[in-house]
Amino acid sequence: MPRRAKVPSGPILEVPLIKLYGIRQSRAMRCLWALEELGVPYELVPTNFATDAKKPEFAAINPNQRVPALVDGDVTLFESMAINLYLGKKYDTKGLYPKALADEARAIQWSFWGMTEIEPSLLQVLLNRAILPAPQRDEAAAKAAEEKLAQPLRVLDGALAGRKFLLGDAFSIADLNLASVLAWALFSKLGLAGTPNVERWLKECCGRPAFVKAQRG
């Protein structure tokens, strides 16, 4: 059954039924979280990245044959961060998307930063400590990736010093996008005690009802 989020109270918006292609155990989880935060109607079209995404009918939607992909009326998008920035800017009624140009740029900055500075190494930790079958896991590779993460985590810890969220006191799309990457730390036995601001911030972000709902379905 399609997951139809409640439309926020206020003026009635003519919103087409958004289709998100992917599964929760993929980067599509980021987009599910954004959709739940925004409260817009959507349908999750189950699309496994290893099988369904390789079929010709999906290649017509995303020629990269990867998930997630989004279809919103006549707009088709791929790449999870681009999808979330688009959704936030188009559908936000709760202050999730920054209004100031500088804050919008910072939201984009942290989204890109999460993909380049955090995700590659964190994925190695996750693969070798949680996803791969035990005989295929390489703890040395996981440890090396964890050591590589130390510097960017210190950068983030400093950015969060003295502030609740990345852009100030309010949760925003910047937090959602970056926390959706770092959420993998929850499943990969990655210790964050050395960066207490990151640990506190990630716990708060991932404790949000929309995250829990997106994760569980």
Protein backbone atom coordinates (compact mmCIF):
# COMPACT_ATOMS: atom_id res chain seq x y z
CA MET A 1 0.00 0.00 0.00
CA PRO A 2 1.28 3.50 -0.75
CA ARG A 3 2.47 5.45 2.27
CA ARG A 4 0.37 8.62 2.25
CA ALA A 5 1.61 11.23 4.67
CA LYS A 6 -0.81 13.69 6.21
CA VAL A 7 -0.97 17.05 4.47
CA PRO A 8 -0.15 19.86 6.91
CA SER A 9 -2.98 22.02 8.20
CA GLY A 10 -3.48 25.35 6.47
CA PRO A 11 -4.26 26.24 2.86
CA ILE A 12 -5.08 23.24 0.69
CA LEU A 13 -2.31 22.60 -1.81
CA GLU A 14 -2.78 20.82 -5.10
CA VAL A 15 -0.05 18.22 -4.64
CA PRO A 16 0.47 15.41 -7.17
CA LEU A 17 1.18 12.01 -5.71
CA ILE A 18 4.95 11.86 -5.56
CA LYS A 19 6.54 8.53 -6.45
CA LEU A 20 9.78 7.55 -4.78
CA TYR A 21 11.61 4.53 -6.15
CA GLY A 22 13.81 2.56 -3.79
CA ILE A 23 13.77 0.60 -0.55
CA ARG A 24 14.37 1.67 3.03
CA GLN A 25 17.64 -0.27 3.15
CA SER A 26 19.21 2.13 0.67
CA ARG A 27 19.87 5.83 0.18
CA ALA A 28 16.14 6.17 -0.52
CA MET A 29 15.75 6.25 3.27
CA ARG A 30 17.01 9.85 3.17
CA CYS A 31 14.21 10.86 0.86
CA LEU A 32 11.60 8.98 2.87
CA TRP A 33 12.70 10.93 5.92
CA ALA A 34 12.36 14.22 4.03
CA LEU A 35 8.90 13.29 2.76
CA GLU A 36 7.75 12.40 6.26
CA GLU A 37 9.11 15.66 7.67
CA LEU A 38 7.34 17.64 4.95
CA GLY A 39 4.07 15.74 5.33
CA VAL A 40 3.28 15.52 1.61
CA PRO A 41 1.48 12.55 0.02
CA TYR A 42 3.78 10.03 -1.63
CA GLU A 43 4.01 6.48 -2.85
CA LEU A 44 7.05 4.33 -2.21
CA VAL A 45 7.58 2.11 -5.25
CA PRO A 46 9.68 -0.81 -3.96
CA THR A 47 12.76 -0.94 -6.18
CA ASN A 48 15.67 -3.12 -5.13
CA PHE A 49 19.01 -1.63 -6.13
CA ALA A 50 20.48 -5.03 -7.01
CA THR A 51 17.63 -6.35 -9.15
CA ASP A 52 14.72 -4.03 -10.01
CA ALA A 53 17.00 -1.07 -10.71
CA LYS A 54 18.68 -3.00 -13.52
CA LYS A 55 15.45 -3.47 -15.48
CA PRO A 56 14.83 -1.43 -18.65
CA GLU A 57 11.63 0.13 -17.30
CA PHE A 58 13.53 1.63 -14.38
CA ALA A 59 16.40 2.74 -16.59
CA ALA A 60 13.86 4.97 -18.34
CA ILE A 61 13.42 6.77 -15.00
CA ASN A 62 17.05 6.72 -13.88
CA PRO A 63 19.54 5.77 -16.60
CA ASN A 64 22.17 5.26 -13.88
CA GLN A 65 20.06 2.29 -12.72
CA ARG A 66 20.43 3.22 -9.08
CA VAL A 67 18.05 4.23 -6.32
CA PRO A 68 16.53 6.49 -5.24
CA ALA A 69 14.68 8.18 -8.04
CA LEU A 70 11.78 10.58 -7.72
CA VAL A 71 8.90 11.37 -10.04
CA ASP A 72 6.87 14.44 -9.13
CA GLY A 73 4.50 15.29 -11.96
CA ASP A 74 6.70 16.19 -14.91
CA VAL A 75 9.87 16.35 -12.77
CA THR A 76 12.13 13.30 -12.58
CA LEU A 77 15.22 13.34 -10.37
CA PHE A 78 17.95 11.07 -9.14
CA GLU A 79 20.61 11.53 -6.41
CA SER A 80 19.26 11.54 -2.87
CA MET A 81 20.63 14.94 -1.85
CA ALA A 82 19.30 16.68 -4.96
CA ILE A 83 15.90 15.05 -4.37
CA ASN A 84 15.78 16.27 -0.76
CA LEU A 85 16.84 19.81 -1.60
CA TYR A 86 14.18 19.94 -4.32
CA LEU A 87 11.47 18.55 -2.05
CA GLY A 88 12.38 20.94 0.75
CA LYS A 89 12.41 24.02 -1.44
CA LYS A 90 9.14 23.13 -3.18
CA TYR A 91 7.00 21.72 -0.38
CA ASP A 92 8.27 23.14 2.91
CA THR A 93 5.64 24.78 5.12
CA LYS A 94 7.37 24.16 8.47
CA GLY A 95 10.68 26.00 8.19
CA LEU A 96 12.66 22.96 7.10
CA TYR A 97 14.17 24.77 4.11
CA PRO A 98 16.28 27.89 4.77
CA LYS A 99 14.85 31.22 3.68
CA ALA A 100 18.13 33.17 3.66
CA LEU A 101 20.45 32.69 0.70
CA ALA A 102 23.49 32.17 2.94
CA ASP A 103 21.71 29.47 4.94
CA GLU A 104 20.54 27.79 1.75
CA ALA A 105 24.16 27.73 0.57
CA ARG A 106 25.22 26.23 3.92
CA ALA A 107 22.56 23.54 3.60
CA ILE A 108 23.94 22.63 0.19
CA GLN A 109 27.49 22.81 1.57
CA TRP A 110 26.78 20.33 4.38
CA SER A 111 24.86 18.03 2.03
CA PHE A 112 27.81 17.84 -0.39
CA TRP A 113 30.27 17.59 2.50
CA GLY A 114 28.43 14.60 3.93
CA MET A 115 28.64 12.79 0.62
CA THR A 116 32.33 13.52 -0.01
CA GLU A 117 33.90 13.62 3.47
CA ILE A 118 31.75 11.17 5.45
CA GLU A 119 29.89 8.65 3.30
CA PRO A 120 32.77 6.82 1.52
CA SER A 121 34.64 5.96 4.72
CA LEU A 122 31.50 5.33 6.76
CA LEU A 123 30.27 2.94 4.08
CA GLN A 124 33.47 0.93 4.46
CA VAL A 125 32.92 0.72 8.20
CA LEU A 126 29.30 -0.33 7.71
CA LEU A 127 30.13 -2.97 5.09
CA ASN A 128 32.87 -4.57 7.15
CA ARG A 129 31.08 -4.51 10.46
CA ALA A 130 27.41 -5.06 9.62
CA ILE A 131 26.50 -5.79 6.00
CA LEU A 132 28.97 -8.26 4.52
CA PRO A 133 28.81 -11.91 5.60
CA ALA A 134 31.17 -12.49 8.52
CA PRO A 135 33.79 -14.42 6.48
CA GLN A 136 34.06 -11.48 4.04
CA ARG A 137 34.48 -8.74 6.61
CA ASP A 138 37.79 -6.97 6.96
CA GLU A 139 38.20 -5.33 10.36
CA ALA A 140 41.50 -3.76 9.31
CA ALA A 141 39.70 -1.97 6.48
CA ALA A 142 36.95 -0.87 8.87
CA LYS A 143 39.52 0.45 11.34
CA ALA A 144 41.38 2.36 8.63
CA ALA A 145 38.14 3.93 7.45
CA GLU A 146 37.23 4.82 11.03
CA GLU A 147 40.59 6.56 11.47
CA LYS A 148 40.01 8.48 8.23
CA LEU A 149 36.68 9.71 9.61
CA ALA A 150 38.27 11.21 12.69
CA GLN A 151 39.24 14.50 11.05
CA PRO A 152 35.90 15.31 9.35
CA LEU A 153 34.06 14.33 12.53
CA ARG A 154 36.18 16.85 14.43
CA VAL A 155 35.25 19.48 11.85
CA LEU A 156 31.56 18.74 12.36
CA ASP A 157 31.97 18.68 16.12
CA GLY A 158 33.44 22.16 15.97
CA ALA A 159 30.65 23.42 13.72
CA LEU A 160 28.08 22.19 16.25
CA ALA A 161 29.79 23.72 19.27
CA GLY A 162 27.47 26.21 20.94
CA ARG A 163 24.54 25.51 18.62
CA LYS A 164 21.78 22.94 18.61
CA PHE A 165 21.68 22.34 14.86
CA LEU A 166 23.84 23.16 11.85
CA LEU A 167 22.10 26.42 10.98
CA GLY A 168 21.16 27.47 14.50
CA ASP A 169 18.41 26.51 16.92
CA ALA A 170 16.02 24.90 14.41
CA PHE A 171 16.27 21.55 12.63
CA SER A 172 16.61 22.07 8.88
CA ILE A 173 17.21 20.23 5.62
CA ALA A 174 20.94 20.68 6.31
CA ASP A 175 20.63 18.53 9.44
CA LEU A 176 18.39 16.00 7.74
CA ASN A 177 20.71 15.47 4.79
CA LEU A 178 23.88 15.17 6.83
CA ALA A 179 22.31 13.12 9.62
CA SER A 180 20.87 10.74 7.03
CA VAL A 181 24.45 9.92 6.05
CA LEU A 182 25.81 9.73 9.59
CA ALA A 183 22.88 7.58 10.69
CA TRP A 184 24.86 4.65 9.29
CA ALA A 185 27.09 5.08 12.34
CA LEU A 186 24.22 3.73 14.44
CA PHE A 187 24.51 0.36 12.70
CA SER A 188 28.28 0.18 12.19
CA LYS A 189 29.66 0.26 15.74
CA LEU A 190 31.30 3.61 15.07
CA GLY A 191 32.11 5.32 18.34
CA LEU A 192 31.28 9.02 18.58
CA ALA A 193 32.25 9.61 22.20
CA GLY A 194 35.27 11.62 21.06
CA THR A 195 32.98 14.10 19.29
CA PRO A 196 30.25 14.76 21.89
CA ASN A 197 28.55 17.52 19.90
CA VAL A 198 28.15 15.16 16.95
CA GLU A 199 26.91 12.38 19.21
CA ARG A 200 24.30 14.63 20.84
CA TRP A 201 23.19 16.14 17.52
CA LEU A 202 22.88 12.79 15.74
CA LYS A 203 20.85 11.31 18.59
CA GLU A 204 18.45 14.26 18.46
CA CYS A 205 18.09 14.14 14.67
CA CYS A 206 17.48 10.39 14.56
CA GLY A 207 15.03 10.60 17.44
CA ARG A 208 12.63 12.69 15.40
CA PRO A 209 9.24 11.02 14.74
CA ALA A 210 9.62 11.45 10.98
CA PHE A 211 12.91 9.53 11.00
CA VAL A 212 11.42 6.71 13.05
CA LYS A 213 8.37 6.55 10.77
CA ALA A 214 10.47 6.54 7.60
CA GLN A 215 12.69 3.80 8.98
CA ARG A 216 9.88 1.51 10.10
CA GLY A 217 7.32 2.20 7.37
